[in-house]
Protein backbone atom coordinates (compact mmCIF):
# COMPACT_ATOMS: atom_id res chain seq x y z
CA UNK A 1 -70.75 -68.63 -62.94
CA UNK A 2 -72.90 -67.63 -65.89
CA UNK A 3 -71.57 -66.56 -69.26
CA UNK A 4 -73.11 -63.11 -68.85
CA UNK A 5 -71.26 -62.63 -65.53
CA UNK A 6 -67.97 -63.59 -67.19
CA UNK A 7 -68.74 -61.16 -70.00
CA UNK A 8 -69.44 -58.37 -67.52
CA UNK A 9 -66.18 -59.02 -65.67
CA UNK A 10 -64.29 -59.01 -68.98
CA UNK A 11 -65.84 -55.65 -69.94
CA UNK A 12 -64.93 -54.20 -66.55
CA UNK A 13 -61.35 -55.47 -66.81
CA UNK A 14 -60.98 -54.07 -70.34
CA UNK A 15 -62.16 -50.64 -69.19
CA UNK A 16 -60.02 -50.79 -66.07
CA UNK A 17 -56.87 -51.66 -68.00
CA UNK A 18 -57.36 -48.64 -70.27
CA UNK A 19 -57.55 -46.20 -67.36
CA UNK A 20 -54.53 -44.31 -66.02
CA UNK A 21 -53.21 -45.44 -62.64
CA UNK A 22 -54.79 -42.57 -60.69
CA UNK A 23 -58.21 -43.45 -62.13
CA UNK A 24 -57.62 -47.12 -61.28
CA UNK A 25 -56.97 -46.01 -57.69
CA UNK A 26 -60.32 -44.20 -57.69
CA UNK A 27 -62.03 -47.37 -58.93
CA UNK A 28 -60.35 -49.33 -56.14
CA UNK A 29 -61.51 -46.74 -53.59
CA UNK A 30 -65.05 -47.03 -54.92
CA UNK A 31 -64.99 -50.84 -54.76
CA UNK A 32 -63.76 -50.64 -51.17
CA UNK A 33 -66.58 -48.22 -50.42
CA UNK A 34 -69.12 -50.65 -51.92
CA UNK A 35 -67.72 -53.43 -49.72
CA UNK A 36 -67.84 -51.16 -46.67
CA UNK A 37 -71.41 -50.10 -47.46
CA UNK A 38 -72.52 -53.71 -47.85
CA UNK A 39 -70.95 -54.65 -44.50
CA UNK A 40 -72.39 -51.62 -42.73
CA UNK A 41 -75.83 -51.41 -44.34
CA UNK A 42 -77.62 -52.93 -41.34
CA UNK A 43 -75.64 -50.74 -38.95
CA UNK A 44 -76.49 -47.61 -40.96
CA UNK A 45 -80.18 -48.52 -40.97
CA UNK A 46 -80.01 -48.80 -37.20
CA UNK A 47 -78.32 -45.40 -36.97
CA UNK A 48 -81.22 -43.81 -38.87
CA UNK A 49 -83.60 -45.05 -36.18
CA UNK A 50 -81.21 -43.76 -33.54
CA UNK A 51 -81.03 -40.35 -35.25
CA UNK A 52 -84.81 -40.10 -35.22
CA UNK A 53 -84.78 -40.73 -31.48
CA UNK A 54 -82.01 -38.13 -31.00
CA UNK A 55 -84.03 -35.43 -32.77
CA UNK A 56 -85.91 -34.74 -29.54
CA UNK A 57 -82.71 -34.05 -27.60
CA UNK A 58 -81.34 -32.00 -30.51
CA UNK A 59 -84.46 -29.86 -30.53
CA UNK A 60 -84.03 -29.16 -26.82
CA UNK A 61 -80.42 -28.09 -27.31
CA UNK A 62 -81.28 -25.88 -30.28
CA UNK A 63 -84.01 -24.15 -28.31
CA UNK A 64 -81.79 -23.49 -25.29
CA UNK A 65 -80.60 -20.02 -24.33
CA UNK A 66 -77.12 -19.55 -25.79
CA UNK A 67 -76.94 -15.79 -25.21
CA UNK A 68 -74.12 -16.14 -22.65
CA UNK A 69 -71.71 -18.06 -24.89
CA UNK A 70 -69.68 -14.91 -25.49
CA UNK A 71 -68.75 -14.78 -21.79
CA UNK A 72 -66.57 -17.91 -22.01
CA UNK A 73 -62.86 -17.84 -22.84
CA UNK A 74 -61.84 -19.74 -25.98
CA UNK A 75 -60.48 -23.20 -25.26
CA UNK A 76 -56.71 -23.55 -25.69
CA UNK A 77 -56.12 -26.89 -27.45
CA UNK A 78 -52.90 -28.60 -26.37
CA UNK A 79 -50.52 -30.37 -28.81
CA UNK A 80 -51.74 -33.90 -29.50
CA UNK A 81 -55.16 -33.20 -27.99
CA UNK A 82 -56.82 -33.28 -31.39
CA UNK A 83 -55.94 -36.48 -33.20
CA UNK A 84 -56.26 -36.81 -36.93
CA UNK A 85 -59.60 -38.07 -38.15
CA UNK A 86 -60.30 -40.41 -41.00
CA UNK A 87 -59.75 -39.10 -44.54
CA UNK A 88 -62.99 -38.36 -46.38
CA UNK A 89 -63.98 -37.64 -49.94
CA UNK A 90 -67.18 -36.30 -51.50
CA UNK A 91 -68.85 -38.76 -53.88
CA UNK A 92 -71.61 -37.19 -56.00
CA UNK A 93 -74.94 -38.82 -55.28
CA UNK A 94 -73.63 -40.40 -52.07
CA UNK A 95 -72.20 -37.57 -50.04
CA UNK A 96 -69.05 -37.63 -47.92
CA UNK A 97 -67.48 -41.08 -47.54
CA UNK A 98 -64.49 -42.37 -45.62
CA UNK A 99 -61.49 -43.02 -47.87
CA UNK A 100 -59.55 -46.15 -47.00
CA UNK A 101 -55.82 -45.91 -47.52
């Protein structure tokens, strides 16, 4: 490992140690996000291609006649039918990201 890398790690540790615990938790969340993004980068690039292909089907749905939607009864969700989703958080410059617990 180079001396500059050690110096960078030391600077990060110094800053991290001076932060309150709740800010340290945010740093940990961000590091986990960076790891997740690195692992899923290829998958996300594939999803962009998939989204481009789905635009045609989306356009068809958006152009469909929805004038009769008011004739349907509202759906009555049963207990347990809607499970909890993953927790998310907005990160400026990145958008909404999944928060790992």
